[in-house]
Amino acid sequence: SGSVFIALFPFVLAMSFQETEFISETLVTEGYWR
């Protein structure tokens, strides 16, 4: 269950807060999602 949370949390967060600056700028534009 701990492994499942670690693997899925970033995706769930991105889905839930897709319009935020963190998702659009930090993760996508700056490439931190990699």
All heavy atoms as atom14 arrays in JSON, in Angstrom:
{
  "sequence": "SGSVFIALFPFVLAMSFQETEFISETLVTEGYWR",
  "atom14_mask": [
    [1, 1, 1, 1, 1, 1, 0, 0, 0, 0, 0, 0, 0, 0],
    [1, 1, 1, 1, 0, 0, 0, 0, 0, 0, 0, 0, 0, 0],
    [1, 1, 1, 1, 1, 1, 0, 0, 0, 0, 0, 0, 0, 0],
    [1, 1, 1, 1, 1, 1, 1, 0, 0, 0, 0, 0, 0, 0],
    [1, 1, 1, 1, 1, 1, 1, 1, 1, 1, 1, 0, 0, 0],
    [1, 1, 1, 1, 1, 1, 1, 1, 0, 0, 0, 0, 0, 0],
    [1, 1, 1, 1, 1, 0, 0, 0, 0, 0, 0, 0, 0, 0],
    [1, 1, 1, 1, 1, 1, 1, 1, 0, 0, 0, 0, 0, 0],
    [1, 1, 1, 1, 1, 1, 1, 1, 1, 1, 1, 0, 0, 0],
    [1, 1, 1, 1, 1, 1, 1, 0, 0, 0, 0, 0, 0, 0],
    [1, 1, 1, 1, 1, 1, 1, 1, 1, 1, 1, 0, 0, 0],
    [1, 1, 1, 1, 1, 1, 1, 0, 0, 0, 0, 0, 0, 0],
    [1, 1, 1, 1, 1, 1, 1, 1, 0, 0, 0, 0, 0, 0],
    [1, 1, 1, 1, 1, 0, 0, 0, 0, 0, 0, 0, 0, 0],
    [1, 1, 1, 1, 1, 1, 1, 1, 0, 0, 0, 0, 0, 0],
    [1, 1, 1, 1, 1, 1, 0, 0, 0, 0, 0, 0, 0, 0],
    [1, 1, 1, 1, 1, 1, 1, 1, 1, 1, 1, 0, 0, 0],
    [1, 1, 1, 1, 1, 1, 1, 1, 1, 0, 0, 0, 0, 0],
    [1, 1, 1, 1, 1, 1, 1, 1, 1, 0, 0, 0, 0, 0],
    [1, 1, 1, 1, 1, 1, 1, 0, 0, 0, 0, 0, 0, 0],
    [1, 1, 1, 1, 1, 1, 1, 1, 1, 0, 0, 0, 0, 0],
    [1, 1, 1, 1, 1, 1, 1, 1, 1, 1, 1, 0, 0, 0],
    [1, 1, 1, 1, 1, 1, 1, 1, 0, 0, 0, 0, 0, 0],
    [1, 1, 1, 1, 1, 1, 0, 0, 0, 0, 0, 0, 0, 0],
    [1, 1, 1, 1, 1, 1, 1, 1, 1, 0, 0, 0, 0, 0],
    [1, 1, 1, 1, 1, 1, 1, 0, 0, 0, 0, 0, 0, 0],
    [1, 1, 1, 1, 1, 1, 1, 1, 0, 0, 0, 0, 0, 0],
    [1, 1, 1, 1, 1, 1, 1, 0, 0, 0, 0, 0, 0, 0],
    [1, 1, 1, 1, 1, 1, 1, 0, 0, 0, 0, 0, 0, 0],
    [1, 1, 1, 1, 1, 1, 1, 1, 1, 0, 0, 0, 0, 0],
    [1, 1, 1, 1, 0, 0, 0, 0, 0, 0, 0, 0, 0, 0],
    [1, 1, 1, 1, 1, 1, 1, 1, 1, 1, 1, 1, 0, 0],
    [1, 1, 1, 1, 1, 1, 1, 1, 1, 1, 1, 1, 1, 1],
    [1, 1, 1, 1, 1, 1, 1, 1, 1, 1, 1, 0, 0, 0]
  ],
  "atom14_positions": [
    [[0.83, -1.21, 0.0], [0.0, 0.0, 0.0], [0.86, 1.25, 0.0], [0.52, 2.25, -0.64], [-0.93, 0.0, 1.21], [-0.24, 0.28, 2.42], [0.0, 0.0, 0.0], [0.0, 0.0, 0.0], [0.0, 0.0, 0.0], [0.0, 0.0, 0.0], [0.0, 0.0, 0.0], [0.0, 0.0, 0.0], [0.0, 0.0, 0.0], [0.0, 0.0, 0.0]],
    [[1.99, 1.2, 0.72], [2.91, 2.33, 0.71], [3.52, 2.55, -0.66], [3.69, 3.69, -1.11], [0.0, 0.0, 0.0], [0.0, 0.0, 0.0], [0.0, 0.0, 0.0], [0.0, 0.0, 0.0], [0.0, 0.0, 0.0], [0.0, 0.0, 0.0], [0.0, 0.0, 0.0], [0.0, 0.0, 0.0], [0.0, 0.0, 0.0], [0.0, 0.0, 0.0]],
    [[3.84, 1.46, -1.35], [4.39, 1.56, -2.71], [3.36, 2.12, -3.68], [3.67, 2.95, -4.54], [4.84, 0.17, -3.19], [5.86, -0.35, -2.38], [0.0, 0.0, 0.0], [0.0, 0.0, 0.0], [0.0, 0.0, 0.0], [0.0, 0.0, 0.0], [0.0, 0.0, 0.0], [0.0, 0.0, 0.0], [0.0, 0.0, 0.0], [0.0, 0.0, 0.0]],
    [[2.11, 1.67, -3.53], [1.03, 2.16, -4.4], [0.87, 3.67, -4.25], [0.74, 4.4, -5.24], [-0.31, 1.45, -4.07], [-1.47, 2.14, -4.76], [-0.24, -0.01, -4.48], [0.0, 0.0, 0.0], [0.0, 0.0, 0.0], [0.0, 0.0, 0.0], [0.0, 0.0, 0.0], [0.0, 0.0, 0.0], [0.0, 0.0, 0.0], [0.0, 0.0, 0.0]],
    [[0.89, 4.15, -3.0], [0.74, 5.59, -2.77], [1.89, 6.36, -3.42], [1.67, 7.39, -4.08], [0.68, 5.89, -1.28], [0.38, 7.34, -0.97], [-0.92, 7.76, -0.79], [1.41, 8.27, -0.89], [-1.2, 9.1, -0.54], [1.14, 9.61, -0.64], [-0.16, 10.02, -0.46], [0.0, 0.0, 0.0], [0.0, 0.0, 0.0], [0.0, 0.0, 0.0]],
    [[3.11, 5.89, -3.23], [4.27, 6.58, -3.8], [4.17, 6.66, -5.31], [4.44, 7.7, -5.93], [5.58, 5.88, -3.38], [5.84, 6.09, -1.88], [6.77, 6.39, -4.18], [7.0, 5.3, -1.33], [0.0, 0.0, 0.0], [0.0, 0.0, 0.0], [0.0, 0.0, 0.0], [0.0, 0.0, 0.0], [0.0, 0.0, 0.0], [0.0, 0.0, 0.0]],
    [[3.76, 5.57, -5.95], [3.7, 5.51, -7.41], [2.56, 6.34, -8.0], [2.71, 6.93, -9.07], [3.6, 4.06, -7.87], [0.0, 0.0, 0.0], [0.0, 0.0, 0.0], [0.0, 0.0, 0.0], [0.0, 0.0, 0.0], [0.0, 0.0, 0.0], [0.0, 0.0, 0.0], [0.0, 0.0, 0.0], [0.0, 0.0, 0.0], [0.0, 0.0, 0.0]],
    [[1.43, 6.41, -7.29], [0.23, 7.03, -7.86], [-0.01, 8.46, -7.41], [-0.72, 9.21, -8.09], [-1.0, 6.19, -7.54], [-1.05, 4.77, -8.08], [-2.4, 4.13, -7.78], [-0.78, 4.74, -9.58], [0.0, 0.0, 0.0], [0.0, 0.0, 0.0], [0.0, 0.0, 0.0], [0.0, 0.0, 0.0], [0.0, 0.0, 0.0], [0.0, 0.0, 0.0]],
    [[0.55, 8.88, -6.28], [0.26, 10.21, -5.75], [0.57, 11.35, -6.73], [-0.26, 12.26, -6.88], [1.0, 10.43, -4.43], [0.81, 11.81, -3.86], [-0.38, 12.15, -3.24], [1.81, 12.77, -3.96], [-0.57, 13.42, -2.71], [1.64, 14.04, -3.45], [0.44, 14.37, -2.81], [0.0, 0.0, 0.0], [0.0, 0.0, 0.0], [0.0, 0.0, 0.0]],
    [[1.72, 11.35, -7.41], [1.99, 12.46, -8.34], [0.94, 12.58, -9.44], [0.53, 13.7, -9.79], [3.37, 12.1, -8.93], [3.99, 11.21, -7.92], [2.86, 10.42, -7.34], [0.0, 0.0, 0.0], [0.0, 0.0, 0.0], [0.0, 0.0, 0.0], [0.0, 0.0, 0.0], [0.0, 0.0, 0.0], [0.0, 0.0, 0.0], [0.0, 0.0, 0.0]],
    [[0.5, 11.45, -9.96], [-0.53, 11.48, -11.01], [-1.86, 11.99, -10.47], [-2.53, 12.82, -11.1], [-0.7, 10.08, -11.59], [-1.84, 9.95, -12.55], [-1.79, 10.55, -13.8], [-2.99, 9.25, -12.2], [-2.85, 10.44, -14.7], [-4.06, 9.13, -13.08], [-3.98, 9.74, -14.33], [0.0, 0.0, 0.0], [0.0, 0.0, 0.0], [0.0, 0.0, 0.0]],
    [[-2.26, 11.51, -9.29], [-3.52, 11.95, -8.68], [-3.46, 13.44, -8.39], [-4.44, 14.17, -8.62], [-3.79, 11.16, -7.38], [-5.02, 11.72, -6.66], [-4.01, 9.68, -7.7], [0.0, 0.0, 0.0], [0.0, 0.0, 0.0], [0.0, 0.0, 0.0], [0.0, 0.0, 0.0], [0.0, 0.0, 0.0], [0.0, 0.0, 0.0], [0.0, 0.0, 0.0]],
    [[-2.32, 13.92, -7.91], [-2.16, 15.35, -7.64], [-2.27, 16.17, -8.92], [-2.94, 17.2, -8.95], [-0.81, 15.61, -6.97], [-0.56, 17.05, -6.52], [-1.36, 17.37, -5.27], [0.92, 17.3, -6.28], [0.0, 0.0, 0.0], [0.0, 0.0, 0.0], [0.0, 0.0, 0.0], [0.0, 0.0, 0.0], [0.0, 0.0, 0.0], [0.0, 0.0, 0.0]],
    [[-1.62, 15.7, -9.97], [-1.67, 16.41, -11.25], [-3.09, 16.45, -11.8], [-3.52, 17.46, -12.38], [-0.72, 15.75, -12.26], [0.0, 0.0, 0.0], [0.0, 0.0, 0.0], [0.0, 0.0, 0.0], [0.0, 0.0, 0.0], [0.0, 0.0, 0.0], [0.0, 0.0, 0.0], [0.0, 0.0, 0.0], [0.0, 0.0, 0.0], [0.0, 0.0, 0.0]],
    [[-3.82, 15.38, -11.63], [-5.21, 15.32, -12.1], [-6.1, 16.26, -11.3], [-7.01, 16.9, -11.84], [-5.74, 13.89, -11.97], [-5.17, 12.92, -12.98], [-5.95, 13.09, -14.6], [-7.59, 12.44, -14.25], [0.0, 0.0, 0.0], [0.0, 0.0, 0.0], [0.0, 0.0, 0.0], [0.0, 0.0, 0.0], [0.0, 0.0, 0.0], [0.0, 0.0, 0.0]],
    [[-5.83, 16.36, -9.99], [-6.7, 17.14, -9.1], [-6.43, 18.64, -9.16], [-7.32, 19.45, -8.94], [-6.54, 16.64, -7.66], [-6.81, 15.26, -7.56], [0.0, 0.0, 0.0], [0.0, 0.0, 0.0], [0.0, 0.0, 0.0], [0.0, 0.0, 0.0], [0.0, 0.0, 0.0], [0.0, 0.0, 0.0], [0.0, 0.0, 0.0], [0.0, 0.0, 0.0]],
    [[-5.17, 19.03, -9.44], [-4.8, 20.45, -9.42], [-4.16, 20.85, -10.74], [-3.11, 21.51, -10.77], [-3.85, 20.73, -8.25], [-4.44, 20.42, -6.91], [-4.23, 19.18, -6.31], [-5.23, 21.34, -6.24], [-4.78, 18.88, -5.07], [-5.78, 21.05, -5.0], [-5.56, 19.82, -4.41], [0.0, 0.0, 0.0], [0.0, 0.0, 0.0], [0.0, 0.0, 0.0]],
    [[-4.76, 20.46, -11.83], [-4.16, 20.66, -13.15], [-4.01, 22.12, -13.54], [-3.16, 22.45, -14.37], [-4.99, 19.92, -14.2], [-6.46, 20.25, -14.18], [-7.26, 19.4, -15.13], [-6.91, 19.28, -16.29], [-8.33, 18.77, -14.66], [0.0, 0.0, 0.0], [0.0, 0.0, 0.0], [0.0, 0.0, 0.0], [0.0, 0.0, 0.0], [0.0, 0.0, 0.0]],
    [[-4.81, 23.02, -12.97], [-4.75, 24.43, -13.36], [-3.77, 25.23, -12.52], [-3.6, 26.42, -12.75], [-6.15, 25.05, -13.25], [-7.21, 24.38, -14.11], [-6.87, 24.43, -15.59], [-6.22, 25.41, -16.02], [-7.25, 23.49, -16.32], [0.0, 0.0, 0.0], [0.0, 0.0, 0.0], [0.0, 0.0, 0.0], [0.0, 0.0, 0.0], [0.0, 0.0, 0.0]],
    [[-3.13, 24.63, -11.54], [-2.23, 25.38, -10.66], [-0.9, 25.66, -11.33], [-0.5, 24.99, -12.3], [-1.97, 24.59, -9.36], [-1.34, 23.34, -9.68], [-3.28, 24.32, -8.62], [0.0, 0.0, 0.0], [0.0, 0.0, 0.0], [0.0, 0.0, 0.0], [0.0, 0.0, 0.0], [0.0, 0.0, 0.0], [0.0, 0.0, 0.0], [0.0, 0.0, 0.0]],
    [[-0.2, 26.66, -10.79], [1.1, 27.05, -11.34], [2.12, 25.94, -11.17], [2.99, 25.74, -12.02], [1.59, 28.32, -10.63], [2.93, 28.84, -11.15], [3.39, 30.09, -10.43], [2.54, 30.78, -9.82], [4.6, 30.38, -10.47], [0.0, 0.0, 0.0], [0.0, 0.0, 0.0], [0.0, 0.0, 0.0], [0.0, 0.0, 0.0], [0.0, 0.0, 0.0]],
    [[2.02, 25.18, -10.07], [2.97, 24.1, -9.83], [2.91, 23.06, -10.94], [3.95, 22.59, -11.43], [2.7, 23.44, -8.48], [3.56, 22.23, -8.21], [4.91, 22.37, -7.92], [3.03, 20.95, -8.28], [5.71, 21.25, -7.69], [3.81, 19.83, -8.06], [5.16, 19.99, -7.76], [0.0, 0.0, 0.0], [0.0, 0.0, 0.0], [0.0, 0.0, 0.0]],
    [[1.7, 22.68, -11.34], [1.55, 21.66, -12.38], [1.96, 22.21, -13.74], [2.77, 21.6, -14.46], [0.09, 21.14, -12.43], [-0.34, 20.58, -11.07], [-0.04, 20.08, -13.52], [0.49, 19.42, -10.59], [0.0, 0.0, 0.0], [0.0, 0.0, 0.0], [0.0, 0.0, 0.0], [0.0, 0.0, 0.0], [0.0, 0.0, 0.0], [0.0, 0.0, 0.0]],
    [[1.42, 23.36, -14.11], [1.64, 23.9, -15.46], [3.05, 24.44, -15.66], [3.63, 24.29, -16.74], [0.61, 24.99, -15.77], [0.74, 26.06, -14.85], [0.0, 0.0, 0.0], [0.0, 0.0, 0.0], [0.0, 0.0, 0.0], [0.0, 0.0, 0.0], [0.0, 0.0, 0.0], [0.0, 0.0, 0.0], [0.0, 0.0, 0.0], [0.0, 0.0, 0.0]],
    [[3.61, 25.07, -14.62], [4.93, 25.69, -14.76], [6.06, 24.76, -14.29], [6.94, 24.38, -15.04], [4.98, 27.02, -14.0], [4.07, 28.09, -14.56], [4.47, 28.52, -15.96], [5.69, 28.52, -16.25], [3.58, 28.83, -16.77], [0.0, 0.0, 0.0], [0.0, 0.0, 0.0], [0.0, 0.0, 0.0], [0.0, 0.0, 0.0], [0.0, 0.0, 0.0]],
    [[6.01, 24.41, -13.0], [7.11, 23.63, -12.41], [7.25, 22.25, -13.06], [8.33, 21.86, -13.5], [6.92, 23.48, -10.9], [6.82, 24.77, -10.3], [8.1, 22.73, -10.28], [0.0, 0.0, 0.0], [0.0, 0.0, 0.0], [0.0, 0.0, 0.0], [0.0, 0.0, 0.0], [0.0, 0.0, 0.0], [0.0, 0.0, 0.0], [0.0, 0.0, 0.0]],
    [[6.15, 21.51, -13.1], [6.22, 20.14, -13.61], [6.33, 20.09, -15.13], [7.17, 19.34, -15.67], [5.01, 19.34, -13.16], [4.88, 19.03, -11.66], [3.76, 18.03, -11.41], [6.19, 18.52, -11.08], [0.0, 0.0, 0.0], [0.0, 0.0, 0.0], [0.0, 0.0, 0.0], [0.0, 0.0, 0.0], [0.0, 0.0, 0.0], [0.0, 0.0, 0.0]],
    [[5.51, 20.87, -15.85], [5.46, 20.76, -17.31], [6.5, 21.65, -17.98], [7.4, 21.17, -18.67], [4.05, 21.1, -17.84], [4.03, 21.01, -19.36], [3.02, 20.14, -17.24], [0.0, 0.0, 0.0], [0.0, 0.0, 0.0], [0.0, 0.0, 0.0], [0.0, 0.0, 0.0], [0.0, 0.0, 0.0], [0.0, 0.0, 0.0], [0.0, 0.0, 0.0]],
    [[6.4, 22.97, -17.77], [7.28, 23.91, -18.47], [8.74, 23.73, -18.07], [9.63, 23.66, -18.93], [6.85, 25.37, -18.19], [5.48, 25.53, -18.56], [7.71, 26.34, -18.98], [0.0, 0.0, 0.0], [0.0, 0.0, 0.0], [0.0, 0.0, 0.0], [0.0, 0.0, 0.0], [0.0, 0.0, 0.0], [0.0, 0.0, 0.0], [0.0, 0.0, 0.0]],
    [[9.01, 23.65, -16.76], [10.39, 23.49, -16.29], [10.86, 22.04, -16.37], [12.06, 21.77, -16.19], [10.53, 24.0, -14.86], [10.26, 25.5, -14.71], [10.41, 25.97, -13.27], [11.28, 25.42, -12.56], [9.68, 26.88, -12.86], [0.0, 0.0, 0.0], [0.0, 0.0, 0.0], [0.0, 0.0, 0.0], [0.0, 0.0, 0.0], [0.0, 0.0, 0.0]],
    [[9.95, 21.13, -16.62], [10.33, 19.73, -16.83], [10.59, 18.92, -15.58], [11.16, 17.82, -15.65], [0.0, 0.0, 0.0], [0.0, 0.0, 0.0], [0.0, 0.0, 0.0], [0.0, 0.0, 0.0], [0.0, 0.0, 0.0], [0.0, 0.0, 0.0], [0.0, 0.0, 0.0], [0.0, 0.0, 0.0], [0.0, 0.0, 0.0], [0.0, 0.0, 0.0]],
    [[10.15, 19.43, -14.42], [10.42, 18.71, -13.18], [9.65, 17.4, -13.07], [9.97, 16.56, -12.21], [10.12, 19.6, -11.96], [11.34, 20.35, -11.46], [11.7, 21.57, -12.01], [12.13, 19.82, -10.46], [12.81, 22.26, -11.57], [13.26, 20.48, -10.01], [13.59, 21.71, -10.56], [14.7, 22.38, -10.12], [0.0, 0.0, 0.0], [0.0, 0.0, 0.0]],
    [[8.65, 17.2, -13.91], [7.93, 15.93, -13.86], [8.85, 14.76, -14.19], [8.63, 13.63, -13.72], [6.72, 15.96, -14.8], [7.05, 15.7, -16.23], [7.37, 16.61, -17.19], [7.1, 14.42, -16.87], [7.62, 15.99, -18.39], [7.45, 14.64, -18.23], [6.86, 13.11, -16.44], [7.6, 13.6, -19.14], [7.0, 12.08, -17.36], [7.36, 12.33, -18.69]],
    [[9.9, 15.05, -14.96], [10.86, 13.99, -15.3], [11.72, 13.58, -14.09], [12.4, 12.55, -14.12], [11.75, 14.43, -16.46], [10.99, 14.64, -17.76], [11.92, 14.92, -18.92], [11.18, 15.21, -20.15], [10.69, 14.28, -20.97], [10.9, 13.0, -20.7], [10.01, 14.62, -22.05], [0.0, 0.0, 0.0], [0.0, 0.0, 0.0], [0.0, 0.0, 0.0]]
  ]
}
